[in-house]
Amino acid sequence: MDFIKVGEKDGNIILADKYGNRAVFEFLEMTVIDQTEYAALLQTDDESIVLLRLTEGTNGKEVYSSIDDDALFERVAATFEEIFDED
């Protein structure tokens, strides 16, 4: 599923899905794997961490996409675990 960045509030980003549902996230960290950017976000409603691929949409807005490939998701998650363990 894709989410479009529609704004910012109190230092957090607001993402909307294709149905217009909005959610607020705290941007935790970004990393690059194979020339693709991935973001770790903390959903402020339930404090769950979400890992999403970050790209630029055709309209120039930031697009955050779910990572559907299980092996890639595990690789991205392991990379973020290493980053967070260093902190």
PDB file of N, CA and C in Angstrom:
ATOM      1  N   MET A   1       0.848  -1.175   0.000  1.00  0.00           N
ATOM      2  CA  MET A   1       0.000   0.000   0.000  1.00  0.00           C
ATOM      3  C   MET A   1       0.892   1.237   0.000  1.00  0.00           C
ATOM      4  N   ASP A   2       0.456   2.256  -0.702  1.00  0.00           N
ATOM      5  CA  ASP A   2       1.195   3.505  -0.776  1.00  0.00           C
ATOM      6  C   ASP A   2       0.549   4.562   0.108  1.00  0.00           C
ATOM      7  N   PHE A   3       1.397   5.402   0.673  1.00  0.00           N
ATOM      8  CA  PHE A   3       0.967   6.533   1.487  1.00  0.00           C
ATOM      9  C   PHE A   3       1.659   7.782   0.957  1.00  0.00           C
ATOM     10  N   ILE A   4       0.938   8.870   0.867  1.00  0.00           N
ATOM     11  CA  ILE A   4       1.488  10.140   0.404  1.00  0.00           C
ATOM     12  C   ILE A   4       1.681  11.054   1.605  1.00  0.00           C
ATOM     13  N   LYS A   5       2.837  11.724   1.644  1.00  0.00           N
ATOM     14  CA  LYS A   5       3.054  12.710   2.703  1.00  0.00           C
ATOM     15  C   LYS A   5       2.203  13.925   2.380  1.00  0.00           C
ATOM     16  N   VAL A   6       1.287  14.241   3.293  1.00  0.00           N
ATOM     17  CA  VAL A   6       0.367  15.356   3.064  1.00  0.00           C
ATOM     18  C   VAL A   6       0.629  16.542   3.980  1.00  0.00           C
ATOM     19  N   GLY A   7       1.578  16.400   4.887  1.00  0.00           N
ATOM     20  CA  GLY A   7       1.868  17.523   5.762  1.00  0.00           C
ATOM     21  C   GLY A   7       2.753  17.148   6.922  1.00  0.00           C
ATOM     22  N   GLU A   8       2.976  18.154   7.762  1.00  0.00           N
ATOM     23  CA  GLU A   8       3.760  17.980   8.977  1.00  0.00           C
ATOM     24  C   GLU A   8       3.043  18.684  10.116  1.00  0.00           C
ATOM     25  N   LYS A   9       3.210  18.141  11.310  1.00  0.00           N
ATOM     26  CA  LYS A   9       2.584  18.737  12.490  1.00  0.00           C
ATOM     27  C   LYS A   9       3.454  18.436  13.695  1.00  0.00           C
ATOM     28  N   ASP A  10       3.873  19.449  14.403  1.00  0.00           N
ATOM     29  CA  ASP A  10       4.667  19.303  15.623  1.00  0.00           C
ATOM     30  C   ASP A  10       5.904  18.438  15.396  1.00  0.00           C
ATOM     31  N   GLY A  11       6.544  18.572  14.228  1.00  0.00           N
ATOM     32  CA  GLY A  11       7.747  17.811  13.935  1.00  0.00           C
ATOM     33  C   GLY A  11       7.485  16.405  13.433  1.00  0.00           C
ATOM     34  N   ASN A  12       6.228  16.010  13.330  1.00  0.00           N
ATOM     35  CA  ASN A  12       5.854  14.693  12.821  1.00  0.00           C
ATOM     36  C   ASN A  12       5.360  14.826  11.388  1.00  0.00           C
ATOM     37  N   ILE A  13       5.319  13.705  10.671  1.00  0.00           N
ATOM     38  CA  ILE A  13       4.794  13.737   9.312  1.00  0.00           C
ATOM     39  C   ILE A  13       3.412  13.111   9.282  1.00  0.00           C
ATOM     40  N   ILE A  14       2.584  13.600   8.364  1.00  0.00           N
ATOM     41  CA  ILE A  14       1.229  13.090   8.202  1.00  0.00           C
ATOM     42  C   ILE A  14       1.172  12.388   6.852  1.00  0.00           C
ATOM     43  N   LEU A  15       0.779  11.112   6.882  1.00  0.00           N
ATOM     44  CA  LEU A  15       0.649  10.320   5.665  1.00  0.00           C
ATOM     45  C   LEU A  15      -0.815   9.987   5.431  1.00  0.00           C
ATOM     46  N   ALA A  16      -1.208   9.930   4.155  1.00  0.00           N
ATOM     47  CA  ALA A  16      -2.576   9.559   3.790  1.00  0.00           C
ATOM     48  C   ALA A  16      -2.541   8.401   2.810  1.00  0.00           C
ATOM     49  N   ASP A  17      -3.472   7.459   2.974  1.00  0.00           N
ATOM     50  CA  ASP A  17      -3.567   6.354   2.023  1.00  0.00           C
ATOM     51  C   ASP A  17      -4.468   6.770   0.858  1.00  0.00           C
ATOM     52  N   LYS A  18      -4.702   5.858  -0.077  1.00  0.00           N
ATOM     53  CA  LYS A  18      -5.479   6.194  -1.271  1.00  0.00           C
ATOM     54  C   LYS A  18      -6.938   6.501  -0.969  1.00  0.00           C
ATOM     55  N   TYR A  19      -7.391   6.144   0.229  1.00  0.00           N
ATOM     56  CA  TYR A  19      -8.765   6.425   0.633  1.00  0.00           C
ATOM     57  C   TYR A  19      -8.891   7.742   1.403  1.00  0.00           C
ATOM     58  N   GLY A  20      -7.766   8.402   1.630  1.00  0.00           N
ATOM     59  CA  GLY A  20      -7.776   9.660   2.361  1.00  0.00           C
ATOM     60  C   GLY A  20      -7.618   9.505   3.856  1.00  0.00           C
ATOM     61  N   ASN A  21      -7.467   8.271   4.351  1.00  0.00           N
ATOM     62  CA  ASN A  21      -7.248   8.052   5.776  1.00  0.00           C
ATOM     63  C   ASN A  21      -5.863   8.585   6.145  1.00  0.00           C
ATOM     64  N   ARG A  22      -5.796   9.344   7.198  1.00  0.00           N
ATOM     65  CA  ARG A  22      -4.534   9.960   7.607  1.00  0.00           C
ATOM     66  C   ARG A  22      -4.018   9.369   8.912  1.00  0.00           C
ATOM     67  N   ALA A  23      -2.693   9.362   9.022  1.00  0.00           N
ATOM     68  CA  ALA A  23      -2.048   8.904  10.253  1.00  0.00           C
ATOM     69  C   ALA A  23      -0.814   9.777  10.481  1.00  0.00           C
ATOM     70  N   VAL A  24      -0.478   9.970  11.748  1.00  0.00           N
ATOM     71  CA  VAL A  24       0.663  10.803  12.123  1.00  0.00           C
ATOM     72  C   VAL A  24       1.806   9.895  12.566  1.00  0.00           C
ATOM     73  N   PHE A  25       3.007  10.184  12.066  1.00  0.00           N
ATOM     74  CA  PHE A  25       4.186   9.382  12.361  1.00  0.00           C
ATOM     75  C   PHE A  25       5.336  10.264  12.802  1.00  0.00           C
ATOM     76  N   GLU A  26       6.116   9.750  13.727  1.00  0.00           N
ATOM     77  CA  GLU A  26       7.393  10.371  14.077  1.00  0.00           C
ATOM     78  C   GLU A  26       8.451   9.715  13.200  1.00  0.00           C
ATOM     79  N   PHE A  27       9.239  10.526  12.511  1.00  0.00           N
ATOM     80  CA  PHE A  27      10.292  10.011  11.646  1.00  0.00           C
ATOM     81  C   PHE A  27      11.466   9.610  12.531  1.00  0.00           C
ATOM     82  N   LEU A  28      11.804   8.320  12.565  1.00  0.00           N
ATOM     83  CA  LEU A  28      12.870   7.831  13.430  1.00  0.00           C
ATOM     84  C   LEU A  28      14.232   7.813  12.742  1.00  0.00           C
ATOM     85  N   GLU A  29      14.272   7.217  11.548  1.00  0.00           N
ATOM     86  CA  GLU A  29      15.567   7.011  10.891  1.00  0.00           C
ATOM     87  C   GLU A  29      15.343   6.683   9.429  1.00  0.00           C
ATOM     88  N   MET A  30      16.362   6.921   8.627  1.00  0.00           N
ATOM     89  CA  MET A  30      16.331   6.551   7.225  1.00  0.00           C
ATOM     90  C   MET A  30      17.621   5.821   6.897  1.00  0.00           C
ATOM     91  N   THR A  31      17.543   4.867   5.959  1.00  0.00           N
ATOM     92  CA  THR A  31      18.726   4.169   5.492  1.00  0.00           C
ATOM     93  C   THR A  31      18.573   3.917   3.995  1.00  0.00           C
ATOM     94  N   VAL A  32      19.690   3.652   3.335  1.00  0.00           N
ATOM     95  CA  VAL A  32      19.682   3.349   1.902  1.00  0.00           C
ATOM     96  C   VAL A  32      20.200   1.928   1.710  1.00  0.00           C
ATOM     97  N   ILE A  33      19.428   1.131   0.992  1.00  0.00           N
ATOM     98  CA  ILE A  33      19.815  -0.237   0.658  1.00  0.00           C
ATOM     99  C   ILE A  33      19.636  -0.397  -0.845  1.00  0.00           C
ATOM    100  N   ASP A  34      20.691  -0.779  -1.526  1.00  0.00           N
ATOM    101  CA  ASP A  34      20.646  -0.955  -2.983  1.00  0.00           C
ATOM    102  C   ASP A  34      20.061   0.272  -3.682  1.00  0.00           C
ATOM    103  N   GLN A  35      20.515   1.439  -3.300  1.00  0.00           N
ATOM    104  CA  GLN A  35      20.138   2.726  -3.895  1.00  0.00           C
ATOM    105  C   GLN A  35      18.662   3.081  -3.711  1.00  0.00           C
ATOM    106  N   THR A  36      18.005   2.450  -2.742  1.00  0.00           N
ATOM    107  CA  THR A  36      16.613   2.761  -2.416  1.00  0.00           C
ATOM    108  C   THR A  36      16.550   3.200  -0.962  1.00  0.00           C
ATOM    109  N   GLU A  37      15.793   4.276  -0.704  1.00  0.00           N
ATOM    110  CA  GLU A  37      15.660   4.795   0.657  1.00  0.00           C
ATOM    111  C   GLU A  37      14.525   4.076   1.390  1.00  0.00           C
ATOM    112  N   TYR A  38      14.777   3.789   2.669  1.00  0.00           N
ATOM    113  CA  TYR A  38      13.785   3.168   3.543  1.00  0.00           C
ATOM    114  C   TYR A  38      13.703   3.996   4.824  1.00  0.00           C
ATOM    115  N   ALA A  39      12.492   4.138   5.338  1.00  0.00           N
ATOM    116  CA  ALA A  39      12.266   4.930   6.540  1.00  0.00           C
ATOM    117  C   ALA A  39      11.683   4.063   7.647  1.00  0.00           C
ATOM    118  N   ALA A  40      12.134   4.326   8.864  1.00  0.00           N
ATOM    119  CA  ALA A  40      11.541   3.733  10.056  1.00  0.00           C
ATOM    120  C   ALA A  40      10.709   4.838  10.706  1.00  0.00           C
ATOM    121  N   LEU A  41       9.424   4.589  10.844  1.00  0.00           N
ATOM    122  CA  LEU A  41       8.498   5.572  11.395  1.00  0.00           C
ATOM    123  C   LEU A  41       7.798   4.996  12.611  1.00  0.00           C
ATOM    124  N   LEU A  42       7.531   5.864  13.577  1.00  0.00           N
ATOM    125  CA  LEU A  42       6.782   5.469  14.765  1.00  0.00           C
ATOM    126  C   LEU A  42       5.379   6.034  14.638  1.00  0.00           C
ATOM    127  N   GLN A  43       4.380   5.152  14.577  1.00  0.00           N
ATOM    128  CA  GLN A  43       3.000   5.613  14.494  1.00  0.00           C
ATOM    129  C   GLN A  43       2.600   6.153  15.856  1.00  0.00           C
ATOM    130  N   THR A  44       2.195   7.405  15.900  1.00  0.00           N
ATOM    131  CA  THR A  44       1.944   8.054  17.181  1.00  0.00           C
ATOM    132  C   THR A  44       0.699   7.536  17.882  1.00  0.00           C
ATOM    133  N   ASP A  45      -0.261   6.970  17.137  1.00  0.00           N
ATOM    134  CA  ASP A  45      -1.495   6.467  17.756  1.00  0.00           C
ATOM    135  C   ASP A  45      -1.255   5.258  18.639  1.00  0.00           C
ATOM    136  N   ASP A  46      -0.496   4.294  18.126  1.00  0.00           N
ATOM    137  CA  ASP A  46      -0.314   3.065  18.884  1.00  0.00           C
ATOM    138  C   ASP A  46       1.151   2.727  19.169  1.00  0.00           C
ATOM    139  N   GLU A  47       2.042   3.648  18.835  1.00  0.00           N
ATOM    140  CA  GLU A  47       3.482   3.520  19.102  1.00  0.00           C
ATOM    141  C   GLU A  47       4.101   2.287  18.468  1.00  0.00           C
ATOM    142  N   SER A  48       3.577   1.875  17.301  1.00  0.00           N
ATOM    143  CA  SER A  48       4.202   0.779  16.571  1.00  0.00           C
ATOM    144  C   SER A  48       5.179   1.347  15.545  1.00  0.00           C
ATOM    145  N   ILE A  49       6.236   0.604  15.289  1.00  0.00           N
ATOM    146  CA  ILE A  49       7.226   1.022  14.302  1.00  0.00           C
ATOM    147  C   ILE A  49       6.855   0.426  12.953  1.00  0.00           C
ATOM    148  N   VAL A  50       6.896   1.258  11.928  1.00  0.00           N
ATOM    149  CA  VAL A  50       6.550   0.868  10.577  1.00  0.00           C
ATOM    150  C   VAL A  50       7.765   1.110   9.682  1.00  0.00           C
ATOM    151  N   LEU A  51       8.083   0.144   8.828  1.00  0.00           N
ATOM    152  CA  LEU A  51       9.180   0.277   7.873  1.00  0.00           C
ATOM    153  C   LEU A  51       8.586   0.436   6.482  1.00  0.00           C
ATOM    154  N   LEU A  52       8.967   1.508   5.793  1.00  0.00           N
ATOM    155  CA  LEU A  52       8.405   1.799   4.478  1.00  0.00           C
ATOM    156  C   LEU A  52       9.498   2.225   3.503  1.00  0.00           C
ATOM    157  N   ARG A  53       9.272   1.950   2.219  1.00  0.00           N
ATOM    158  CA  ARG A  53      10.169   2.399   1.146  1.00  0.00           C
ATOM    159  C   ARG A  53       9.780   3.835   0.814  1.00  0.00           C
ATOM    160  N   LEU A  54      10.767   4.684   0.596  1.00  0.00           N
ATOM    161  CA  LEU A  54      10.530   6.094   0.330  1.00  0.00           C
ATOM    162  C   LEU A  54      10.925   6.417  -1.105  1.00  0.00           C
ATOM    163  N   THR A  55       9.971   6.952  -1.873  1.00  0.00           N
ATOM    164  CA  THR A  55      10.231   7.360  -3.250  1.00  0.00           C
ATOM    165  C   THR A  55       9.571   8.711  -3.503  1.00  0.00           C
ATOM    166  N   GLU A  56       9.810   9.246  -4.690  1.00  0.00           N
ATOM    167  CA  GLU A  56       9.157  10.493  -5.069  1.00  0.00           C
ATOM    168  C   GLU A  56       8.088  10.171  -6.091  1.00  0.00           C
ATOM    169  N   GLY A  57       6.892  10.650  -5.838  1.00  0.00           N
ATOM    170  CA  GLY A  57       5.781  10.396  -6.756  1.00  0.00           C
ATOM    171  C   GLY A  57       5.863  11.267  -7.992  1.00  0.00           C
ATOM    172  N   THR A  58       4.998  11.004  -8.938  1.00  0.00           N
ATOM    173  CA  THR A  58       4.994  11.763 -10.185  1.00  0.00           C
ATOM    174  C   THR A  58       4.671  13.235  -9.967  1.00  0.00           C
ATOM    175  N   ASN A  59       3.973  13.533  -8.888  1.00  0.00           N
ATOM    176  CA  ASN A  59       3.623  14.921  -8.579  1.00  0.00           C
ATOM    177  C   ASN A  59       4.669  15.598  -7.695  1.00  0.00           C
ATOM    178  N   GLY A  60       5.801  14.920  -7.443  1.00  0.00           N
ATOM    179  CA  GLY A  60       6.868  15.490  -6.629  1.00  0.00           C
ATOM    180  C   GLY A  60       6.699  15.290  -5.134  1.00  0.00           C
ATOM    181  N   LYS A  61       5.588  14.701  -4.718  1.00  0.00           N
ATOM    182  CA  LYS A  61       5.372  14.451  -3.288  1.00  0.00           C
ATOM    183  C   LYS A  61       6.058  13.164  -2.868  1.00  0.00           C
ATOM    184  N   GLU A  62       6.408  13.100  -1.580  1.00  0.00           N
ATOM    185  CA  GLU A  62       7.033  11.900  -1.043  1.00  0.00           C
ATOM    186  C   GLU A  62       6.001  10.783  -0.945  1.00  0.00           C
ATOM    187  N   VAL A  63       6.374   9.592  -1.436  1.00  0.00           N
ATOM    188  CA  VAL A  63       5.508   8.424  -1.376  1.00  0.00           C
ATOM    189  C   VAL A  63       6.183   7.389  -0.489  1.00  0.00           C
ATOM    190  N   TYR A  64       5.448   6.900   0.500  1.00  0.00           N
ATOM    191  CA  TYR A  64       5.924   5.856   1.401  1.00  0.00           C
ATOM    192  C   TYR A  64       5.155   4.589   1.062  1.00  0.00           C
ATOM    193  N   SER A  65       5.881   3.513   0.707  1.00  0.00           N
ATOM    194  CA  SER A  65       5.237   2.273   0.265  1.00  0.00           C
ATOM    195  C   SER A  65       5.591   1.123   1.188  1.00  0.00           C
ATOM    196  N   SER A  66       4.625   0.239   1.389  1.00  0.00           N
ATOM    197  CA  SER A  66       4.900  -0.960   2.177  1.00  0.00           C
ATOM    198  C   SER A  66       5.877  -1.839   1.413  1.00  0.00           C
ATOM    199  N   ILE A  67       6.623  -2.644   2.165  1.00  0.00           N
ATOM    200  CA  ILE A  67       7.617  -3.544   1.586  1.00  0.00           C
ATOM    201  C   ILE A  67       6.964  -4.921   1.510  1.00  0.00           C
ATOM    202  N   ASP A  68       6.575  -5.319   0.305  1.00  0.00           N
ATOM    203  CA  ASP A  68       5.802  -6.549   0.127  1.00  0.00           C
ATOM    204  C   ASP A  68       6.662  -7.806   0.042  1.00  0.00           C
ATOM    205  N   ASP A  69       7.906  -7.674  -0.333  1.00  0.00           N
ATOM    206  CA  ASP A  69       8.798  -8.831  -0.457  1.00  0.00           C
ATOM    207  C   ASP A  69       9.319  -9.197   0.935  1.00  0.00           C
ATOM    208  N   ASP A  70       9.014 -10.411   1.399  1.00  0.00           N
ATOM    209  CA  ASP A  70       9.383 -10.825   2.756  1.00  0.00           C
ATOM    210  C   ASP A  70      10.889 -10.809   2.990  1.00  0.00           C
ATOM    211  N   ALA A  71      11.666 -11.280   2.023  1.00  0.00           N
ATOM    212  CA  ALA A  71      13.119 -11.317   2.183  1.00  0.00           C
ATOM    213  C   ALA A  71      13.687  -9.901   2.268  1.00  0.00           C
ATOM    214  N   LEU A  72      13.176  -9.011   1.439  1.00  0.00           N
ATOM    215  CA  LEU A  72      13.627  -7.623   1.483  1.00  0.00           C
ATOM    216  C   LEU A  72      13.230  -6.970   2.796  1.00  0.00           C
ATOM    217  N   PHE A  73      12.000  -7.239   3.251  1.00  0.00           N
ATOM    218  CA  PHE A  73      11.559  -6.675   4.527  1.00  0.00           C
ATOM    219  C   PHE A  73      12.483  -7.115   5.657  1.00  0.00           C
ATOM    220  N   GLU A  74      12.833  -8.391   5.694  1.00  0.00           N
ATOM    221  CA  GLU A  74      13.735  -8.895   6.733  1.00  0.00           C
ATOM    222  C   GLU A  74      15.095  -8.207   6.659  1.00  0.00           C
ATOM    223  N   ARG A  75      15.578  -7.976   5.456  1.00  0.00           N
ATOM    224  CA  ARG A  75      16.867  -7.290   5.273  1.00  0.00           C
ATOM    225  C   ARG A  75      16.800  -5.853   5.776  1.00  0.00           C
ATOM    226  N   VAL A  76      15.719  -5.159   5.445  1.00  0.00           N
ATOM    227  CA  VAL A  76      15.538  -3.774   5.899  1.00  0.00           C
ATOM    228  C   VAL A  76      15.403  -3.745   7.421  1.00  0.00           C
ATOM    229  N   ALA A  77      14.619  -4.651   7.990  1.00  0.00           N
ATOM    230  CA  ALA A  77      14.434  -4.710   9.440  1.00  0.00           C
ATOM    231  C   ALA A  77      15.761  -4.970  10.145  1.00  0.00           C
ATOM    232  N   ALA A  78      16.567  -5.885   9.611  1.00  0.00           N
ATOM    233  CA  ALA A  78      17.869  -6.185  10.218  1.00  0.00           C
ATOM    234  C   ALA A  78      18.787  -4.970  10.172  1.00  0.00           C
ATOM    235  N   THR A  79      18.732  -4.233   9.078  1.00  0.00           N
ATOM    236  CA  THR A  79      19.557  -3.025   8.963  1.00  0.00           C
ATOM    237  C   THR A  79      19.150  -1.999  10.009  1.00  0.00           C
ATOM    238  N   PHE A  80      17.845  -1.782  10.177  1.00  0.00           N
ATOM    239  CA  PHE A  80      17.388  -0.832  11.191  1.00  0.00           C
ATOM    240  C   PHE A  80      17.719  -1.320  12.600  1.00  0.00           C
ATOM    241  N   GLU A  81      17.653  -2.609  12.854  1.00  0.00           N
ATOM    242  CA  GLU A  81      18.033  -3.130  14.170  1.00  0.00           C
ATOM    243  C   GLU A  81      19.483  -2.788  14.478  1.00  0.00           C
ATOM    244  N   GLU A  82      20.356  -2.933  13.497  1.00  0.00           N
ATOM    245  CA  GLU A  82      21.765  -2.577  13.674  1.00  0.00           C
ATOM    246  C   GLU A  82      21.912  -1.092  13.974  1.00  0.00           C
ATOM    247  N   ILE A  83      21.191  -0.266  13.232  1.00  0.00           N
ATOM    248  CA  ILE A  83      21.262   1.183  13.446  1.00  0.00           C
ATOM    249  C   ILE A  83      20.795   1.536  14.846  1.00  0.00           C
ATOM    250  N   PHE A  84      19.654   0.975  15.273  1.00  0.00           N
ATOM    251  CA  PHE A  84      19.115   1.309  16.582  1.00  0.00           C
ATOM    252  C   PHE A  84      19.979   0.755  17.727  1.00  0.00           C
ATOM    253  N   ASP A  85      20.632  -0.391  17.494  1.00  0.00           N
ATOM    254  CA  ASP A  85      21.531  -0.954  18.512  1.00  0.00           C
ATOM    255  C   ASP A  85      22.758  -0.085  18.723  1.00  0.00           C
ATOM    256  N   GLU A  86      23.174   0.638  17.670  1.00  0.00           N
ATOM    257  CA  GLU A  86      24.337   1.524  17.781  1.00  0.00           C
ATOM    258  C   GLU A  86      24.030   2.732  18.650  1.00  0.00           C
ATOM    259  N   ASP A  87      22.764   3.153  18.678  1.00  0.00           N
ATOM    260  CA  ASP A  87      22.375   4.347  19.453  1.00  0.00           C
ATOM    261  C   ASP A  87      22.339   4.005  20.876  1.00  0.00           C
TER     262      ASP A  87
END
